[in-house]
Amino acid sequence: MDGDEDGMRSEVSLAQLGNELAQLTNLSAIPALSEKEVQALEGVVGAPLPEEFRSFLLQFGPGVRPGPVLNLEWITDETLREQQMFAEEPESAVSVLASFPISRAHVSRLPQLAAEGTKPILWFDKPMPGTMFLCGHGCTWISMLAMNGDLAGTVWMTEIGWAENMYWWPSAPWLNHDRWGFPHSGWTEPVPFLDWYSRWTRSLQH
């Protein structure tokens, strides 16, 4: 995974992902989002979408089965619900435009923690600045997309809620175990969106 000033890039390209998905379905039947629809989502979220995620929506819409299909209505509903909570409790409000606080220095600790047999988990307040809702995993577990910074476009797991000192870790839904006591935990590298989608899709075919 390459990094640049606009965040991290996936190992798989959009074209390569398209080739993979073409083995699963007729790509011409995929309901890709229009530029207007993507801009409408950005209007709800309140910030430009990370490049890989934006390009994915324009080409593949919410995705195709047997891979994961993103629930864009859920993303919108959860975003609006959180915005309403912020309006009611402005002292708790965070901005999607604020800096995403997880850094490369933070994630560099994860492999060492795992090697020591310690949970490769980061602790931060929730809600988290500089993120948007991406995917629900049942109960209260969710994946969030980092919106800016050197980890822009990477996907993170946490638990929906307003408690302080929430757990955050790289989202890895292709891992079905909960070795560390948290669903889809144990991956110790930040995962850019296209890699995240591709790995999850491959796991669902087995």
C-alpha atoms as a PDB file:
ATOM      1  CA  MET A   1       0.000   0.000   0.000  1.00  0.00           C
ATOM      2  CA  ASP A   2       1.426   3.310  -1.067  1.00  0.00           C
ATOM      3  CA  GLY A   3       0.943   6.530   0.798  1.00  0.00           C
ATOM      4  CA  ASP A   4       0.936  10.112  -0.378  1.00  0.00           C
ATOM      5  CA  GLU A   5      -0.284  13.490   0.790  1.00  0.00           C
ATOM      6  CA  ASP A   6      -3.839  12.499  -0.114  1.00  0.00           C
ATOM      7  CA  GLY A   7      -3.843   9.374   2.009  1.00  0.00           C
ATOM      8  CA  MET A   8      -3.103   5.721   1.302  1.00  0.00           C
ATOM      9  CA  ARG A   9      -3.540   3.957  -2.025  1.00  0.00           C
ATOM     10  CA  SER A  10      -4.717   0.393  -2.375  1.00  0.00           C
ATOM     11  CA  GLU A  11      -2.607  -2.359  -3.847  1.00  0.00           C
ATOM     12  CA  VAL A  12      -5.513  -3.280  -6.113  1.00  0.00           C
ATOM     13  CA  SER A  13      -6.465  -0.713  -8.733  1.00  0.00           C
ATOM     14  CA  LEU A  14      -9.984   0.195  -9.778  1.00  0.00           C
ATOM     15  CA  ALA A  15      -9.414  -1.598 -13.101  1.00  0.00           C
ATOM     16  CA  GLN A  16      -8.160  -4.747 -11.363  1.00  0.00           C
ATOM     17  CA  LEU A  17     -11.136  -4.720  -9.031  1.00  0.00           C
ATOM     18  CA  GLY A  18     -13.388  -4.373 -12.064  1.00  0.00           C
ATOM     19  CA  ASN A  19     -11.802  -7.457 -13.602  1.00  0.00           C
ATOM     20  CA  GLU A  20     -12.443  -9.397 -10.392  1.00  0.00           C
ATOM     21  CA  LEU A  21     -16.053  -8.284 -10.163  1.00  0.00           C
ATOM     22  CA  ALA A  22     -16.621  -9.126 -13.831  1.00  0.00           C
ATOM     23  CA  GLN A  23     -16.048 -12.764 -12.883  1.00  0.00           C
ATOM     24  CA  LEU A  24     -18.958 -12.506 -10.458  1.00  0.00           C
ATOM     25  CA  THR A  25     -21.558 -10.503 -12.330  1.00  0.00           C
ATOM     26  CA  ASN A  26     -22.415  -8.562 -15.470  1.00  0.00           C
ATOM     27  CA  LEU A  27     -20.778  -5.203 -14.807  1.00  0.00           C
ATOM     28  CA  SER A  28     -23.156  -3.454 -17.190  1.00  0.00           C
ATOM     29  CA  ALA A  29     -25.973  -4.292 -14.775  1.00  0.00           C
ATOM     30  CA  ILE A  30     -24.282  -2.561 -11.826  1.00  0.00           C
ATOM     31  CA  PRO A  31     -26.233   0.546 -10.767  1.00  0.00           C
ATOM     32  CA  ALA A  32     -23.322   2.977 -10.733  1.00  0.00           C
ATOM     33  CA  LEU A  33     -23.934   6.282  -9.010  1.00  0.00           C
ATOM     34  CA  SER A  34     -24.072   9.423 -11.100  1.00  0.00           C
ATOM     35  CA  GLU A  35     -21.876  12.413 -10.386  1.00  0.00           C
ATOM     36  CA  LYS A  36     -24.971  14.192  -9.097  1.00  0.00           C
ATOM     37  CA  GLU A  37     -25.730  11.342  -6.678  1.00  0.00           C
ATOM     38  CA  VAL A  38     -22.157  11.293  -5.393  1.00  0.00           C
ATOM     39  CA  GLN A  39     -22.251  15.044  -4.874  1.00  0.00           C
ATOM     40  CA  ALA A  40     -25.521  14.634  -2.973  1.00  0.00           C
ATOM     41  CA  LEU A  41     -23.846  12.117  -0.655  1.00  0.00           C
ATOM     42  CA  GLU A  42     -20.947  14.502  -0.152  1.00  0.00           C
ATOM     43  CA  GLY A  43     -23.498  17.166   0.734  1.00  0.00           C
ATOM     44  CA  VAL A  44     -24.976  14.935   3.446  1.00  0.00           C
ATOM     45  CA  VAL A  45     -21.567  13.909   4.784  1.00  0.00           C
ATOM     46  CA  GLY A  46     -20.298  17.473   4.656  1.00  0.00           C
ATOM     47  CA  ALA A  47     -16.960  16.834   2.940  1.00  0.00           C
ATOM     48  CA  PRO A  48     -15.475  15.530  -0.311  1.00  0.00           C
ATOM     49  CA  LEU A  49     -15.258  11.745  -0.381  1.00  0.00           C
ATOM     50  CA  PRO A  50     -11.783  10.132  -0.463  1.00  0.00           C
ATOM     51  CA  GLU A  51     -10.706   9.534  -4.058  1.00  0.00           C
ATOM     52  CA  GLU A  52     -10.839   5.715  -4.096  1.00  0.00           C
ATOM     53  CA  PHE A  53     -14.254   5.538  -2.471  1.00  0.00           C
ATOM     54  CA  ARG A  54     -15.626   8.235  -4.755  1.00  0.00           C
ATOM     55  CA  SER A  55     -14.312   6.489  -7.884  1.00  0.00           C
ATOM     56  CA  PHE A  56     -15.749   3.174  -6.662  1.00  0.00           C
ATOM     57  CA  LEU A  57     -19.228   4.659  -6.294  1.00  0.00           C
ATOM     58  CA  LEU A  58     -19.080   6.221  -9.755  1.00  0.00           C
ATOM     59  CA  GLN A  59     -18.123   2.899 -11.334  1.00  0.00           C
ATOM     60  CA  PHE A  60     -19.655   0.194  -9.134  1.00  0.00           C
ATOM     61  CA  GLY A  61     -22.299   1.998  -7.100  1.00  0.00           C
ATOM     62  CA  PRO A  62     -22.790   0.307  -3.718  1.00  0.00           C
ATOM     63  CA  GLY A  63     -21.019  -2.863  -4.915  1.00  0.00           C
ATOM     64  CA  VAL A  64     -22.124  -6.272  -6.174  1.00  0.00           C
ATOM     65  CA  ARG A  65     -22.911  -9.655  -4.673  1.00  0.00           C
ATOM     66  CA  PRO A  66     -21.547 -12.078  -3.660  1.00  0.00           C
ATOM     67  CA  GLY A  67     -19.294  -9.278  -2.466  1.00  0.00           C
ATOM     68  CA  PRO A  68     -20.506  -6.743   0.093  1.00  0.00           C
ATOM     69  CA  VAL A  69     -23.134  -4.219  -0.954  1.00  0.00           C
ATOM     70  CA  LEU A  70     -22.925  -0.935   0.908  1.00  0.00           C
ATOM     71  CA  ASN A  71     -26.174   0.425   2.290  1.00  0.00           C
ATOM     72  CA  LEU A  72     -26.104   4.057   1.181  1.00  0.00           C
ATOM     73  CA  GLU A  73     -29.431   4.712   2.865  1.00  0.00           C
ATOM     74  CA  TRP A  74     -27.920   3.518   6.167  1.00  0.00           C
ATOM     75  CA  ILE A  75     -24.919   5.798   5.654  1.00  0.00           C
ATOM     76  CA  THR A  76     -27.222   8.756   5.086  1.00  0.00           C
ATOM     77  CA  ASP A  77     -29.531   7.914   8.002  1.00  0.00           C
ATOM     78  CA  GLU A  78     -26.679   7.409  10.486  1.00  0.00           C
ATOM     79  CA  THR A  79     -24.970  10.594   9.324  1.00  0.00           C
ATOM     80  CA  LEU A  80     -28.142  12.654   9.743  1.00  0.00           C
ATOM     81  CA  ARG A  81     -28.837  11.023  13.119  1.00  0.00           C
ATOM     82  CA  GLU A  82     -25.368  11.901  14.365  1.00  0.00           C
ATOM     83  CA  GLN A  83     -25.691  15.449  13.056  1.00  0.00           C
ATOM     84  CA  GLN A  84     -28.955  15.800  14.972  1.00  0.00           C
ATOM     85  CA  MET A  85     -27.224  14.567  18.132  1.00  0.00           C
ATOM     86  CA  PHE A  86     -24.478  17.121  17.591  1.00  0.00           C
ATOM     87  CA  ALA A  87     -27.119  19.838  17.304  1.00  0.00           C
ATOM     88  CA  GLU A  88     -28.638  18.727  20.604  1.00  0.00           C
ATOM     89  CA  GLU A  89     -25.279  18.260  22.342  1.00  0.00           C
ATOM     90  CA  PRO A  90     -22.909  20.762  20.712  1.00  0.00           C
ATOM     91  CA  GLU A  91     -20.259  20.187  23.377  1.00  0.00           C
ATOM     92  CA  SER A  92     -19.837  16.658  21.934  1.00  0.00           C
ATOM     93  CA  ALA A  93     -19.825  17.679  18.275  1.00  0.00           C
ATOM     94  CA  VAL A  94     -16.923  16.881  15.977  1.00  0.00           C
ATOM     95  CA  SER A  95     -16.400  17.892  12.377  1.00  0.00           C
ATOM     96  CA  VAL A  96     -15.948  15.599   9.412  1.00  0.00           C
ATOM     97  CA  LEU A  97     -13.555  18.271   8.125  1.00  0.00           C
ATOM     98  CA  ALA A  98     -11.385  18.141  11.245  1.00  0.00           C
ATOM     99  CA  SER A  99      -8.136  16.184  11.162  1.00  0.00           C
ATOM    100  CA  PHE A 100      -8.424  12.405  11.446  1.00  0.00           C
ATOM    101  CA  PRO A 101      -6.436  11.818  14.662  1.00  0.00           C
ATOM    102  CA  ILE A 102      -5.027   8.337  13.993  1.00  0.00           C
ATOM    103  CA  SER A 103      -1.523   8.704  12.573  1.00  0.00           C
ATOM    104  CA  ARG A 104       1.114   6.413  11.123  1.00  0.00           C
ATOM    105  CA  ALA A 105       2.870   6.636  14.482  1.00  0.00           C
ATOM    106  CA  HIS A 106      -0.223   5.194  16.159  1.00  0.00           C
ATOM    107  CA  VAL A 107      -0.619   2.310  13.717  1.00  0.00           C
ATOM    108  CA  SER A 108       3.094   1.493  13.802  1.00  0.00           C
ATOM    109  CA  ARG A 109       2.478   0.185  17.338  1.00  0.00           C
ATOM    110  CA  LEU A 110      -0.135  -2.366  16.280  1.00  0.00           C
ATOM    111  CA  PRO A 111       2.160  -5.131  14.932  1.00  0.00           C
ATOM    112  CA  GLN A 112       4.304  -4.941  18.073  1.00  0.00           C
ATOM    113  CA  LEU A 113       1.263  -5.134  20.327  1.00  0.00           C
ATOM    114  CA  ALA A 114       0.036  -8.237  18.482  1.00  0.00           C
ATOM    115  CA  ALA A 115       3.494  -9.835  18.668  1.00  0.00           C
ATOM    116  CA  GLU A 116       3.465  -9.285  22.418  1.00  0.00           C
ATOM    117  CA  GLY A 117       0.042 -10.925  22.706  1.00  0.00           C
ATOM    118  CA  THR A 118      -1.592  -7.610  23.518  1.00  0.00           C
ATOM    119  CA  LYS A 119      -4.765  -6.452  21.785  1.00  0.00           C
ATOM    120  CA  PRO A 120      -3.783  -4.512  18.613  1.00  0.00           C
ATOM    121  CA  ILE A 121      -6.385  -1.882  19.435  1.00  0.00           C
ATOM    122  CA  LEU A 122      -6.220   1.914  19.617  1.00  0.00           C
ATOM    123  CA  TRP A 123      -8.142   4.037  22.104  1.00  0.00           C
ATOM    124  CA  PHE A 124      -9.799   7.248  21.017  1.00  0.00           C
ATOM    125  CA  ASP A 125     -12.939   9.145  21.833  1.00  0.00           C
ATOM    126  CA  LYS A 126     -16.092   8.452  19.849  1.00  0.00           C
ATOM    127  CA  PRO A 127     -17.367  10.118  17.765  1.00  0.00           C
ATOM    128  CA  MET A 128     -14.139  10.562  15.849  1.00  0.00           C
ATOM    129  CA  PRO A 129     -13.281  13.712  13.882  1.00  0.00           C
ATOM    130  CA  GLY A 130     -12.513  13.339  10.194  1.00  0.00           C
ATOM    131  CA  THR A 131     -14.572  10.170   9.591  1.00  0.00           C
ATOM    132  CA  MET A 132     -17.799   9.113   7.905  1.00  0.00           C
ATOM    133  CA  PHE A 133     -20.076   6.111   8.381  1.00  0.00           C
ATOM    134  CA  LEU A 134     -19.352   3.327   5.900  1.00  0.00           C
ATOM    135  CA  CYS A 135     -20.787  -0.045   6.896  1.00  0.00           C
ATOM    136  CA  GLY A 136     -22.659  -1.766   9.714  1.00  0.00           C
ATOM    137  CA  HIS A 137     -21.578  -5.241  10.883  1.00  0.00           C
ATOM    138  CA  GLY A 138     -24.476  -6.160  13.142  1.00  0.00           C
ATOM    139  CA  CYS A 139     -25.250  -5.108  16.700  1.00  0.00           C
ATOM    140  CA  THR A 140     -23.406  -1.839  17.241  1.00  0.00           C
ATOM    141  CA  TRP A 141     -20.188  -2.622  15.355  1.00  0.00           C
ATOM    142  CA  ILE A 142     -19.440  -0.355  12.401  1.00  0.00           C
ATOM    143  CA  SER A 143     -16.760   0.498   9.872  1.00  0.00           C
ATOM    144  CA  MET A 144     -15.824   4.147   9.449  1.00  0.00           C
ATOM    145  CA  LEU A 145     -13.905   5.763   6.581  1.00  0.00           C
ATOM    146  CA  ALA A 146     -11.048   8.168   7.330  1.00  0.00           C
ATOM    147  CA  MET A 147     -11.661  11.339   5.344  1.00  0.00           C
ATOM    148  CA  ASN A 148      -8.350  13.190   5.434  1.00  0.00           C
ATOM    149  CA  GLY A 149      -4.719  13.123   6.504  1.00  0.00           C
ATOM    150  CA  ASP A 150      -2.041  10.590   5.671  1.00  0.00           C
ATOM    151  CA  LEU A 151      -4.493   7.742   6.370  1.00  0.00           C
ATOM    152  CA  ALA A 152      -7.335   9.194   4.294  1.00  0.00           C
ATOM    153  CA  GLY A 153      -9.416   6.511   2.622  1.00  0.00           C
ATOM    154  CA  THR A 154      -8.551   3.766   5.136  1.00  0.00           C
ATOM    155  CA  VAL A 155     -11.297   1.827   6.921  1.00  0.00           C
ATOM    156  CA  TRP A 156     -11.607   1.456  10.704  1.00  0.00           C
ATOM    157  CA  MET A 157     -13.815  -0.567  13.029  1.00  0.00           C
ATOM    158  CA  THR A 158     -15.392   0.788  16.185  1.00  0.00           C
ATOM    159  CA  GLU A 159     -18.661   0.634  18.100  1.00  0.00           C
ATOM    160  CA  ILE A 160     -21.481   3.055  17.529  1.00  0.00           C
ATOM    161  CA  GLY A 161     -22.148   5.177  20.586  1.00  0.00           C
ATOM    162  CA  TRP A 162     -21.208   8.207  22.577  1.00  0.00           C
ATOM    163  CA  ALA A 163     -18.960   6.709  25.216  1.00  0.00           C
ATOM    164  CA  GLU A 164     -15.466   8.035  25.705  1.00  0.00           C
ATOM    165  CA  ASN A 165     -12.368   5.867  25.241  1.00  0.00           C
ATOM    166  CA  MET A 166     -13.779   3.796  22.400  1.00  0.00           C
ATOM    167  CA  TYR A 167     -11.850   1.025  20.680  1.00  0.00           C
ATOM    168  CA  TRP A 168     -10.594   1.557  17.110  1.00  0.00           C
ATOM    169  CA  TRP A 169      -8.775  -0.946  14.914  1.00  0.00           C
ATOM    170  CA  PRO A 170      -8.230  -1.617  11.186  1.00  0.00           C
ATOM    171  CA  SER A 171     -11.456  -2.988   9.735  1.00  0.00           C
ATOM    172  CA  ALA A 172     -10.932  -6.533   8.442  1.00  0.00           C
ATOM    173  CA  PRO A 173     -14.347  -8.145   7.820  1.00  0.00           C
ATOM    174  CA  TRP A 174     -12.652 -10.988   5.940  1.00  0.00           C
ATOM    175  CA  LEU A 175     -11.421 -12.158   9.369  1.00  0.00           C
ATOM    176  CA  ASN A 176     -14.323 -13.979  10.966  1.00  0.00           C
ATOM    177  CA  HIS A 177     -12.695 -14.654  14.324  1.00  0.00           C
ATOM    178  CA  ASP A 178     -12.701 -12.394  17.372  1.00  0.00           C
ATOM    179  CA  ARG A 179      -9.352 -13.440  18.764  1.00  0.00           C
ATOM    180  CA  TRP A 180      -8.909 -10.156  20.569  1.00  0.00           C
ATOM    181  CA  GLY A 181     -12.468  -9.972  21.837  1.00  0.00           C
ATOM    182  CA  PHE A 182     -13.630  -7.698  19.040  1.00  0.00           C
ATOM    183  CA  PRO A 183     -15.225  -8.677  15.695  1.00  0.00           C
ATOM    184  CA  HIS A 184     -12.981  -8.736  12.630  1.00  0.00           C
ATOM    185  CA  SER A 185      -9.951  -7.813  14.729  1.00  0.00           C
ATOM    186  CA  GLY A 186      -6.330  -8.814  14.366  1.00  0.00           C
ATOM    187  CA  TRP A 187      -5.317  -6.960  11.208  1.00  0.00           C
ATOM    188  CA  THR A 188      -2.490  -4.625  12.113  1.00  0.00           C
ATOM    189  CA  GLU A 189      -2.155  -2.461   9.000  1.00  0.00           C
ATOM    190  CA  PRO A 190      -4.502   0.332   7.874  1.00  0.00           C
ATOM    191  CA  VAL A 191      -6.507  -0.856   4.848  1.00  0.00           C
ATOM    192  CA  PRO A 192      -7.433   1.531   1.991  1.00  0.00           C
ATOM    193  CA  PHE A 193     -10.972   1.201   0.685  1.00  0.00           C
ATOM    194  CA  LEU A 194     -10.404  -0.753  -2.569  1.00  0.00           C
ATOM    195  CA  ASP A 195      -8.198  -3.312  -0.789  1.00  0.00           C
ATOM    196  CA  TRP A 196     -10.801  -3.536   1.973  1.00  0.00           C
ATOM    197  CA  TYR A 197     -13.591  -4.204  -0.524  1.00  0.00           C
ATOM    198  CA  SER A 198     -11.513  -6.620  -2.598  1.00  0.00           C
ATOM    199  CA  ARG A 199     -10.343  -8.708   0.379  1.00  0.00           C
ATOM    200  CA  TRP A 200     -13.856  -8.904   1.794  1.00  0.00           C
ATOM    201  CA  THR A 201     -15.303  -9.888  -1.594  1.00  0.00           C
ATOM    202  CA  ARG A 202     -12.774 -12.699  -2.015  1.00  0.00           C
ATOM    203  CA  SER A 203     -13.561 -14.073   1.429  1.00  0.00           C
ATOM    204  CA  LEU A 204     -17.271 -14.240   0.660  1.00  0.00           C
ATOM    205  CA  GLN A 205     -16.660 -16.522  -2.297  1.00  0.00           C
ATOM    206  CA  HIS A 206     -15.383 -19.364  -0.106  1.00  0.00           C
END
